[in-house]
C-alpha cells in the first residue's frame, strides 16, 4: 500500500456529534443539495 498523505485527528464523540449537527444546520440553512446524504450519514453514525 502506498501512503496517501492523509492525516486524521481523533476527537471526542460529543465534539464529533456537535460538529456534525452544526454542519447539518448549515446544510438546512443553505438548502444544500447534499443535505439528504449528510442526514443519512449522521443517522448511521450517531443514531
Protein backbone atom coordinates (compact mmCIF):
# COMPACT_ATOMS: atom_id res chain seq x y z
CA UNK A 1 0.00 0.00 0.00
CA UNK A 2 1.17 3.48 -0.80
CA UNK A 3 0.67 6.22 1.81
CA UNK A 4 -1.68 8.91 0.56
CA UNK A 5 -0.66 11.68 2.93
CA UNK A 6 -4.00 11.87 4.73
CA UNK A 7 -3.98 12.53 8.45
CA UNK A 8 -6.85 12.19 10.87
CA UNK A 9 -7.42 13.72 14.25
CA UNK A 10 -9.26 11.78 16.92
CA UNK A 11 -11.88 13.93 18.64
CA UNK A 12 -14.27 13.00 21.46
CA UNK A 13 -17.66 11.57 20.46
CA UNK A 14 -19.68 14.56 21.73
CA UNK A 15 -17.43 17.00 19.86
CA UNK A 16 -17.87 14.96 16.67
CA UNK A 17 -21.63 15.00 17.11
CA UNK A 18 -21.60 18.76 17.78
CA UNK A 19 -19.61 19.46 14.60
CA UNK A 20 -21.94 17.19 12.64
CA UNK A 21 -25.02 18.97 13.97
CA UNK A 22 -23.50 22.35 13.07
CA UNK A 23 -22.81 21.08 9.54
CA UNK A 24 -26.37 19.75 9.21
CA UNK A 25 -27.78 23.12 10.33
CA UNK A 26 -25.63 24.86 7.71
CA UNK A 27 -26.91 22.46 5.03
CA UNK A 28 -30.51 23.21 6.03
CA UNK A 29 -29.90 26.99 6.01
CA UNK A 30 -28.23 26.91 2.62
CA UNK A 31 -30.68 24.34 1.22
CA UNK A 32 -27.74 22.20 0.12
CA UNK A 33 -28.44 19.50 -2.45
CA UNK A 34 -26.26 17.14 -0.38
CA UNK A 35 -28.43 17.54 2.72
CA UNK A 36 -30.11 14.12 2.42
CA UNK A 37 -26.77 12.36 2.02
CA UNK A 38 -25.34 14.12 5.09
CA UNK A 39 -28.53 13.40 7.08
CA UNK A 40 -28.28 9.70 6.29
CA UNK A 41 -24.59 9.62 7.27
CA UNK A 42 -25.41 11.46 10.52
CA UNK A 43 -28.18 8.97 11.33
CA UNK A 44 -25.94 5.98 10.61
CA UNK A 45 -23.16 7.41 12.77
CA UNK A 46 -24.98 8.89 15.76
CA UNK A 47 -28.43 7.28 15.96
